[in-house]
Amino acid sequence: MPGYIIHLCEGRYIADKLHISKESQPELLNDFLLGCVLPDAVTDKALTHFRPEWQNDLITKYPDIDHILSEYPVEAMTPADLGILAHLMMDAAYVEEFWPQYFQFEAGDNTPTCVTRDIDHVRMHELSMQPEGRCIPFRDFFSEQFFYGDYNVTNPLFIRDFSPIIPKVSSPDMTIKKCLCFSQSRLQSDLDSFTSIDTDVGNNTTNVFPYKALKDFIISQADRFLRLIDNKKASTR
């Protein structure tokens, strides 16, 4: 899933588009940005990410956005709720739409599968940073060598290009009850860890996703979120 920095970059982009700043509406901004990251500061992400049970055996787990919107109308959401929604929408798009452009999971006989226990390797697509058709053993893919190693390269670049704002950890007002279980201490520790990084990456390059594609993904998802809330507001007038 996208890391803390990616979610905070999207949050900053959305806040800027809505002309919400530390100077104009500091509490609203802080609550919104907290919402953008707090679903990850938990032990059970299946709960805070509204993952349906049918995904339990899959490697591709993602939030059920339609269910969330049916249970929590946008027009009744608090700033923290809206941040949570932005987070979950990005997570869903990341797995459903972004991943398939760059790789697919396959069984030992090279047939596509998303069932975790059946996956043997990951086949890279042309748009990825690996040669088209390269097969990476599943045990190696989610590692510092490939998928998670990209975070080390891209986080400093995201900080440089988006200037994300790090929220102060508190207990924001929210109606999305499943996310009330987040741990303030864990969130503070995570934010301290993931935002206190060396911004000099030298000539390091990503191994899975092109950096420009990740930047474009952040902006496209932020714009999608903004369109959603605009449309919801328009429908209630």
C-alpha atoms as a PDB file:
ATOM      1  CA  MET A   1       0.000   0.000   0.000  1.00  0.00           C
ATOM      2  CA  PRO A   2       1.104   3.625  -0.318  1.00  0.00           C
ATOM      3  CA  GLY A   3       3.219   4.777   2.604  1.00  0.00           C
ATOM      4  CA  TYR A   4       2.714   7.666   4.995  1.00  0.00           C
ATOM      5  CA  ILE A   5       4.610  10.113   2.817  1.00  0.00           C
ATOM      6  CA  ILE A   6       2.522   9.404  -0.281  1.00  0.00           C
ATOM      7  CA  HIS A   7      -0.694   9.891   1.678  1.00  0.00           C
ATOM      8  CA  LEU A   8       0.576  13.160   3.175  1.00  0.00           C
ATOM      9  CA  CYS A   9       1.626  14.385  -0.272  1.00  0.00           C
ATOM     10  CA  GLU A  10      -1.891  13.765  -1.545  1.00  0.00           C
ATOM     11  CA  GLY A  11      -3.270  15.518   1.525  1.00  0.00           C
ATOM     12  CA  ARG A  12      -1.074  18.558   0.911  1.00  0.00           C
ATOM     13  CA  TYR A  13      -2.127  18.704  -2.734  1.00  0.00           C
ATOM     14  CA  ILE A  14      -5.828  18.509  -1.806  1.00  0.00           C
ATOM     15  CA  ALA A  15      -5.474  21.131   0.929  1.00  0.00           C
ATOM     16  CA  ASP A  16      -3.703  23.507  -1.451  1.00  0.00           C
ATOM     17  CA  LYS A  17      -6.435  23.074  -4.057  1.00  0.00           C
ATOM     18  CA  LEU A  18      -9.052  23.888  -1.406  1.00  0.00           C
ATOM     19  CA  HIS A  19      -6.983  26.847  -0.146  1.00  0.00           C
ATOM     20  CA  ILE A  20      -6.663  25.345   3.329  1.00  0.00           C
ATOM     21  CA  SER A  21      -3.419  26.288   5.046  1.00  0.00           C
ATOM     22  CA  LYS A  22      -1.757  26.397   8.458  1.00  0.00           C
ATOM     23  CA  GLU A  23      -2.458  30.098   8.510  1.00  0.00           C
ATOM     24  CA  SER A  24      -6.099  30.098   7.388  1.00  0.00           C
ATOM     25  CA  GLN A  25      -7.550  26.969   9.053  1.00  0.00           C
ATOM     26  CA  PRO A  26      -4.869  25.208  11.104  1.00  0.00           C
ATOM     27  CA  GLU A  27      -7.156  22.868  13.076  1.00  0.00           C
ATOM     28  CA  LEU A  28      -9.145  21.813  10.015  1.00  0.00           C
ATOM     29  CA  LEU A  29      -5.915  21.169   8.100  1.00  0.00           C
ATOM     30  CA  ASN A  30      -4.394  19.155  10.927  1.00  0.00           C
ATOM     31  CA  ASP A  31      -7.501  16.994  11.335  1.00  0.00           C
ATOM     32  CA  PHE A  32      -7.683  16.343   7.601  1.00  0.00           C
ATOM     33  CA  LEU A  33      -4.011  15.371   7.383  1.00  0.00           C
ATOM     34  CA  LEU A  34      -4.362  13.113  10.427  1.00  0.00           C
ATOM     35  CA  GLY A  35      -7.216  11.370   8.653  1.00  0.00           C
ATOM     36  CA  CYS A  36      -4.952  10.878   5.658  1.00  0.00           C
ATOM     37  CA  VAL A  37      -2.619   8.631   7.688  1.00  0.00           C
ATOM     38  CA  LEU A  38      -4.349   7.271  10.795  1.00  0.00           C
ATOM     39  CA  PRO A  39      -5.907   4.164   9.132  1.00  0.00           C
ATOM     40  CA  ASP A  40      -2.377   2.695   8.992  1.00  0.00           C
ATOM     41  CA  ALA A  41      -1.600   3.263  12.691  1.00  0.00           C
ATOM     42  CA  VAL A  42      -3.392   0.099  13.794  1.00  0.00           C
ATOM     43  CA  THR A  43      -2.775  -3.589  14.327  1.00  0.00           C
ATOM     44  CA  ASP A  44      -5.773  -4.742  12.273  1.00  0.00           C
ATOM     45  CA  LYS A  45      -5.752  -2.874   8.969  1.00  0.00           C
ATOM     46  CA  ALA A  46      -8.563  -5.048   7.638  1.00  0.00           C
ATOM     47  CA  LEU A  47     -10.859  -3.186  10.047  1.00  0.00           C
ATOM     48  CA  THR A  48      -9.781   0.383   9.332  1.00  0.00           C
ATOM     49  CA  HIS A  49      -9.506  -0.299   5.599  1.00  0.00           C
ATOM     50  CA  PHE A  50     -12.994  -1.784   5.171  1.00  0.00           C
ATOM     51  CA  ARG A  51     -11.712  -4.876   3.404  1.00  0.00           C
ATOM     52  CA  PRO A  52     -14.470  -7.372   2.531  1.00  0.00           C
ATOM     53  CA  GLU A  53     -14.081 -10.933   3.757  1.00  0.00           C
ATOM     54  CA  TRP A  54     -13.904 -12.367   0.230  1.00  0.00           C
ATOM     55  CA  GLN A  55     -10.448 -10.782  -0.063  1.00  0.00           C
ATOM     56  CA  ASN A  56      -9.021 -12.663   2.926  1.00  0.00           C
ATOM     57  CA  ASP A  57      -7.046 -15.160   0.826  1.00  0.00           C
ATOM     58  CA  LEU A  58      -5.874 -12.616  -1.744  1.00  0.00           C
ATOM     59  CA  ILE A  59      -2.652 -10.651  -1.987  1.00  0.00           C
ATOM     60  CA  THR A  60      -4.700  -7.823  -3.524  1.00  0.00           C
ATOM     61  CA  LYS A  61      -6.615  -6.505  -0.521  1.00  0.00           C
ATOM     62  CA  TYR A  62      -8.221  -3.079  -0.831  1.00  0.00           C
ATOM     63  CA  PRO A  63     -11.019  -0.987   0.705  1.00  0.00           C
ATOM     64  CA  ASP A  64     -14.635  -1.305  -0.411  1.00  0.00           C
ATOM     65  CA  ILE A  65     -15.261   2.345  -1.243  1.00  0.00           C
ATOM     66  CA  ASP A  66     -18.909   1.885  -2.216  1.00  0.00           C
ATOM     67  CA  HIS A  67     -19.625   0.348   1.180  1.00  0.00           C
ATOM     68  CA  ILE A  68     -17.870   3.194   2.978  1.00  0.00           C
ATOM     69  CA  LEU A  69     -19.830   5.849   1.094  1.00  0.00           C
ATOM     70  CA  SER A  70     -23.110   4.047   1.718  1.00  0.00           C
ATOM     71  CA  GLU A  71     -22.387   3.922   5.444  1.00  0.00           C
ATOM     72  CA  TYR A  72     -20.841   7.378   5.811  1.00  0.00           C
ATOM     73  CA  PRO A  73     -22.282  10.081   3.494  1.00  0.00           C
ATOM     74  CA  VAL A  74     -19.643  12.558   2.359  1.00  0.00           C
ATOM     75  CA  GLU A  75     -21.800  15.549   3.260  1.00  0.00           C
ATOM     76  CA  ALA A  76     -21.814  14.423   6.913  1.00  0.00           C
ATOM     77  CA  MET A  77     -18.083  13.744   7.159  1.00  0.00           C
ATOM     78  CA  THR A  78     -15.743  15.663   9.447  1.00  0.00           C
ATOM     79  CA  PRO A  79     -12.351  16.876   8.139  1.00  0.00           C
ATOM     80  CA  ALA A  80     -10.703  13.766   9.639  1.00  0.00           C
ATOM     81  CA  ASP A  81     -13.327  11.549   7.973  1.00  0.00           C
ATOM     82  CA  LEU A  82     -12.552  13.172   4.639  1.00  0.00           C
ATOM     83  CA  GLY A  83      -8.855  12.511   5.169  1.00  0.00           C
ATOM     84  CA  ILE A  84      -9.654   8.869   5.906  1.00  0.00           C
ATOM     85  CA  LEU A  85     -11.735   8.691   2.730  1.00  0.00           C
ATOM     86  CA  ALA A  86      -8.879  10.153   0.678  1.00  0.00           C
ATOM     87  CA  HIS A  87      -6.530   7.546   2.186  1.00  0.00           C
ATOM     88  CA  LEU A  88      -8.842   4.634   1.446  1.00  0.00           C
ATOM     89  CA  MET A  89      -9.646   5.778  -2.084  1.00  0.00           C
ATOM     90  CA  MET A  90      -5.934   5.979  -2.857  1.00  0.00           C
ATOM     91  CA  ASP A  91      -5.296   2.528  -1.380  1.00  0.00           C
ATOM     92  CA  ALA A  92      -8.081   0.999  -3.472  1.00  0.00           C
ATOM     93  CA  ALA A  93      -6.863   2.614  -6.692  1.00  0.00           C
ATOM     94  CA  TYR A  94      -3.276   1.621  -5.933  1.00  0.00           C
ATOM     95  CA  VAL A  95      -4.144  -2.089  -5.891  1.00  0.00           C
ATOM     96  CA  GLU A  96      -7.013  -2.176  -8.395  1.00  0.00           C
ATOM     97  CA  GLU A  97      -5.688   0.207 -11.040  1.00  0.00           C
ATOM     98  CA  PHE A  98      -2.017   1.090 -10.492  1.00  0.00           C
ATOM     99  CA  TRP A  99      -0.386  -2.263  -9.729  1.00  0.00           C
ATOM    100  CA  PRO A 100      -1.732  -4.092 -12.822  1.00  0.00           C
ATOM    101  CA  GLN A 101       0.023  -1.614 -15.115  1.00  0.00           C
ATOM    102  CA  TYR A 102       3.428  -2.742 -13.848  1.00  0.00           C
ATOM    103  CA  PHE A 103       3.216  -6.393 -12.798  1.00  0.00           C
ATOM    104  CA  GLN A 104       0.992  -9.404 -12.252  1.00  0.00           C
ATOM    105  CA  PHE A 105       1.090 -12.293  -9.802  1.00  0.00           C
ATOM    106  CA  GLU A 106       1.363 -15.775 -11.294  1.00  0.00           C
ATOM    107  CA  ALA A 107       1.273 -19.385 -10.166  1.00  0.00           C
ATOM    108  CA  GLY A 108       4.048 -21.841 -10.966  1.00  0.00           C
ATOM    109  CA  ASP A 109       2.436 -22.671 -14.320  1.00  0.00           C
ATOM    110  CA  ASN A 110       2.474 -18.959 -15.270  1.00  0.00           C
ATOM    111  CA  THR A 111      -1.296 -18.505 -14.933  1.00  0.00           C
ATOM    112  CA  PRO A 112      -2.358 -15.230 -13.283  1.00  0.00           C
ATOM    113  CA  THR A 113      -3.560 -15.553  -9.697  1.00  0.00           C
ATOM    114  CA  CYS A 114      -4.103 -13.240  -6.754  1.00  0.00           C
ATOM    115  CA  VAL A 115      -4.570 -16.037  -4.207  1.00  0.00           C
ATOM    116  CA  THR A 116      -1.610 -15.564  -1.882  1.00  0.00           C
ATOM    117  CA  ARG A 117      -0.894 -19.258  -1.258  1.00  0.00           C
ATOM    118  CA  ASP A 118      -0.845 -19.972  -5.019  1.00  0.00           C
ATOM    119  CA  ILE A 119       1.567 -17.219  -6.075  1.00  0.00           C
ATOM    120  CA  ASP A 120       4.973 -18.416  -7.245  1.00  0.00           C
ATOM    121  CA  HIS A 121       6.405 -15.322  -8.906  1.00  0.00           C
ATOM    122  CA  VAL A 122       5.666 -11.793 -10.101  1.00  0.00           C
ATOM    123  CA  ARG A 123       5.867 -11.068 -13.824  1.00  0.00           C
ATOM    124  CA  MET A 124       6.951  -7.534 -14.686  1.00  0.00           C
ATOM    125  CA  HIS A 125       5.270  -5.543 -17.444  1.00  0.00           C
ATOM    126  CA  GLU A 126       6.768  -3.186 -19.999  1.00  0.00           C
ATOM    127  CA  LEU A 127       5.965  -0.013 -18.014  1.00  0.00           C
ATOM    128  CA  SER A 128       7.846  -1.226 -14.930  1.00  0.00           C
ATOM    129  CA  MET A 129      11.473  -0.492 -14.125  1.00  0.00           C
ATOM    130  CA  GLN A 130      12.377  -4.128 -14.872  1.00  0.00           C
ATOM    131  CA  PRO A 131      12.752  -5.794 -18.275  1.00  0.00           C
ATOM    132  CA  GLU A 132       9.372  -6.796 -19.693  1.00  0.00           C
ATOM    133  CA  GLY A 133       8.533 -10.374 -18.798  1.00  0.00           C
ATOM    134  CA  ARG A 134      11.086 -10.708 -16.025  1.00  0.00           C
ATOM    135  CA  CYS A 135       9.829 -13.077 -13.311  1.00  0.00           C
ATOM    136  CA  ILE A 136      10.767 -12.230  -9.736  1.00  0.00           C
ATOM    137  CA  PRO A 137      10.260 -14.915  -7.063  1.00  0.00           C
ATOM    138  CA  PHE A 138       7.323 -13.953  -4.874  1.00  0.00           C
ATOM    139  CA  ARG A 139       9.440 -14.285  -1.719  1.00  0.00           C
ATOM    140  CA  ASP A 140      11.788 -11.606  -3.103  1.00  0.00           C
ATOM    141  CA  PHE A 141       9.311  -9.157  -4.576  1.00  0.00           C
ATOM    142  CA  PHE A 142       7.992  -7.568  -1.362  1.00  0.00           C
ATOM    143  CA  SER A 143      11.456  -6.740  -0.046  1.00  0.00           C
ATOM    144  CA  GLU A 144      13.995  -3.941   0.112  1.00  0.00           C
ATOM    145  CA  GLN A 145      15.427  -5.288  -3.139  1.00  0.00           C
ATOM    146  CA  PHE A 146      12.276  -4.481  -5.089  1.00  0.00           C
ATOM    147  CA  PHE A 147       8.862  -3.217  -3.897  1.00  0.00           C
ATOM    148  CA  TYR A 148       9.753  -1.781  -0.481  1.00  0.00           C
ATOM    149  CA  GLY A 149      13.119  -0.569  -1.667  1.00  0.00           C
ATOM    150  CA  ASP A 150      11.278   1.908  -3.871  1.00  0.00           C
ATOM    151  CA  TYR A 151      10.032   3.691  -0.733  1.00  0.00           C
ATOM    152  CA  ASN A 152      13.614   4.498   0.276  1.00  0.00           C
ATOM    153  CA  VAL A 153      14.223   6.122  -3.089  1.00  0.00           C
ATOM    154  CA  THR A 154      10.913   7.907  -3.584  1.00  0.00           C
ATOM    155  CA  ASN A 155      10.156   9.279  -0.109  1.00  0.00           C
ATOM    156  CA  PRO A 156      12.929  11.900  -0.241  1.00  0.00           C
ATOM    157  CA  LEU A 157      11.809  12.856  -3.752  1.00  0.00           C
ATOM    158  CA  PHE A 158       8.181  13.185  -2.638  1.00  0.00           C
ATOM    159  CA  ILE A 159       9.250  15.441   0.229  1.00  0.00           C
ATOM    160  CA  ARG A 160      11.228  17.570  -2.196  1.00  0.00           C
ATOM    161  CA  ASP A 161       8.452  17.820  -4.798  1.00  0.00           C
ATOM    162  CA  PHE A 162       5.310  18.046  -2.626  1.00  0.00           C
ATOM    163  CA  SER A 163       6.521  19.522   0.689  1.00  0.00           C
ATOM    164  CA  PRO A 164       4.072  17.438   2.745  1.00  0.00           C
ATOM    165  CA  ILE A 165       2.909  18.866   6.063  1.00  0.00           C
ATOM    166  CA  ILE A 166       3.368  16.582   9.054  1.00  0.00           C
ATOM    167  CA  PRO A 167       0.290  16.758  11.305  1.00  0.00           C
ATOM    168  CA  LYS A 168       0.343  16.987  15.080  1.00  0.00           C
ATOM    169  CA  VAL A 169      -1.014  13.759  16.532  1.00  0.00           C
ATOM    170  CA  SER A 170      -4.255  14.207  18.452  1.00  0.00           C
ATOM    171  CA  SER A 171      -7.766  12.731  18.718  1.00  0.00           C
ATOM    172  CA  PRO A 172      -9.692  14.394  15.880  1.00  0.00           C
ATOM    173  CA  ASP A 173     -13.459  14.412  15.664  1.00  0.00           C
ATOM    174  CA  MET A 174     -14.577  11.601  13.363  1.00  0.00           C
ATOM    175  CA  THR A 175     -17.697   9.594  12.612  1.00  0.00           C
ATOM    176  CA  ILE A 176     -15.943   6.685  10.875  1.00  0.00           C
ATOM    177  CA  LYS A 177     -15.989   4.581  14.012  1.00  0.00           C
ATOM    178  CA  LYS A 178     -13.844   1.741  12.712  1.00  0.00           C
ATOM    179  CA  CYS A 179     -10.884   4.100  12.641  1.00  0.00           C
ATOM    180  CA  LEU A 180     -11.240   5.200  16.277  1.00  0.00           C
ATOM    181  CA  CYS A 181      -8.975   2.308  17.249  1.00  0.00           C
ATOM    182  CA  PHE A 182      -5.852   3.951  15.835  1.00  0.00           C
ATOM    183  CA  SER A 183      -2.905   4.252  18.190  1.00  0.00           C
ATOM    184  CA  GLN A 184      -1.635   7.793  18.763  1.00  0.00           C
ATOM    185  CA  SER A 185       1.703   6.492  20.022  1.00  0.00           C
ATOM    186  CA  ARG A 186       2.163   4.254  16.997  1.00  0.00           C
ATOM    187  CA  LEU A 187       1.205   7.043  14.627  1.00  0.00           C
ATOM    188  CA  GLN A 188       3.667   9.426  16.269  1.00  0.00           C
ATOM    189  CA  SER A 189       6.414   6.828  16.089  1.00  0.00           C
ATOM    190  CA  ASP A 190       5.657   6.093  12.444  1.00  0.00           C
ATOM    191  CA  LEU A 191       5.581   9.763  11.487  1.00  0.00           C
ATOM    192  CA  ASP A 192       8.880  10.385  13.290  1.00  0.00           C
ATOM    193  CA  SER A 193      10.438   7.412  11.522  1.00  0.00           C
ATOM    194  CA  PHE A 194       9.171   7.999   8.011  1.00  0.00           C
ATOM    195  CA  THR A 195       9.600  11.762   7.872  1.00  0.00           C
ATOM    196  CA  SER A 196      13.060  12.010   9.440  1.00  0.00           C
ATOM    197  CA  ILE A 197      14.927  10.817   6.379  1.00  0.00           C
ATOM    198  CA  ASP A 198      17.914  11.833   4.331  1.00  0.00           C
ATOM    199  CA  THR A 199      16.658  13.831   1.366  1.00  0.00           C
ATOM    200  CA  ASP A 200      19.800  13.131  -0.655  1.00  0.00           C
ATOM    201  CA  VAL A 201      19.183  10.011  -2.744  1.00  0.00           C
ATOM    202  CA  GLY A 202      21.981  10.604  -5.204  1.00  0.00           C
ATOM    203  CA  ASN A 203      21.576   8.581  -8.386  1.00  0.00           C
ATOM    204  CA  ASN A 204      19.424   5.856  -6.822  1.00  0.00           C
ATOM    205  CA  THR A 205      16.565   4.642  -9.007  1.00  0.00           C
ATOM    206  CA  THR A 206      13.395   2.708  -8.332  1.00  0.00           C
ATOM    207  CA  ASN A 207      13.085  -0.988  -9.147  1.00  0.00           C
ATOM    208  CA  VAL A 208       9.339  -1.395  -9.707  1.00  0.00           C
ATOM    209  CA  PHE A 209       7.441   1.848 -10.350  1.00  0.00           C
ATOM    210  CA  PRO A 210       8.791   4.813 -12.325  1.00  0.00           C
ATOM    211  CA  TYR A 211       8.945   7.842 -10.042  1.00  0.00           C
ATOM    212  CA  LYS A 212       7.048  10.048 -12.508  1.00  0.00           C
ATOM    213  CA  ALA A 213       4.220   7.507 -12.592  1.00  0.00           C
ATOM    214  CA  LEU A 214       3.968   7.634  -8.805  1.00  0.00           C
ATOM    215  CA  LYS A 215       3.861  11.431  -8.866  1.00  0.00           C
ATOM    216  CA  ASP A 216       1.146  11.370 -11.511  1.00  0.00           C
ATOM    217  CA  PHE A 217      -0.758   8.794  -9.439  1.00  0.00           C
ATOM    218  CA  ILE A 218      -0.773  11.054  -6.383  1.00  0.00           C
ATOM    219  CA  ILE A 219      -2.123  13.983  -8.379  1.00  0.00           C
ATOM    220  CA  SER A 220      -4.713  11.930 -10.262  1.00  0.00           C
ATOM    221  CA  GLN A 221      -6.042  10.419  -7.036  1.00  0.00           C
ATOM    222  CA  ALA A 222      -6.192  13.802  -5.337  1.00  0.00           C
ATOM    223  CA  ASP A 223      -8.134  15.180  -8.296  1.00  0.00           C
ATOM    224  CA  ARG A 224     -10.476  12.161  -8.192  1.00  0.00           C
ATOM    225  CA  PHE A 225     -11.151  12.825  -4.497  1.00  0.00           C
ATOM    226  CA  LEU A 226     -11.834  16.501  -5.191  1.00  0.00           C
ATOM    227  CA  ARG A 227     -14.279  15.614  -7.968  1.00  0.00           C
ATOM    228  CA  LEU A 228     -16.079  13.207  -5.649  1.00  0.00           C
ATOM    229  CA  ILE A 229     -16.636  15.726  -2.880  1.00  0.00           C
ATOM    230  CA  ASP A 230     -17.633  18.406  -5.410  1.00  0.00           C
ATOM    231  CA  ASN A 231     -20.213  16.086  -6.939  1.00  0.00           C
ATOM    232  CA  LYS A 232     -21.551  15.057  -3.527  1.00  0.00           C
ATOM    233  CA  LYS A 233     -21.903  18.676  -2.456  1.00  0.00           C
ATOM    234  CA  ALA A 234     -23.625  19.569  -5.730  1.00  0.00           C
ATOM    235  CA  SER A 235     -26.131  16.733  -5.318  1.00  0.00           C
ATOM    236  CA  THR A 236     -27.261  18.043  -1.929  1.00  0.00           C
ATOM    237  CA  ARG A 237     -27.968  21.600  -3.059  1.00  0.00           C
END
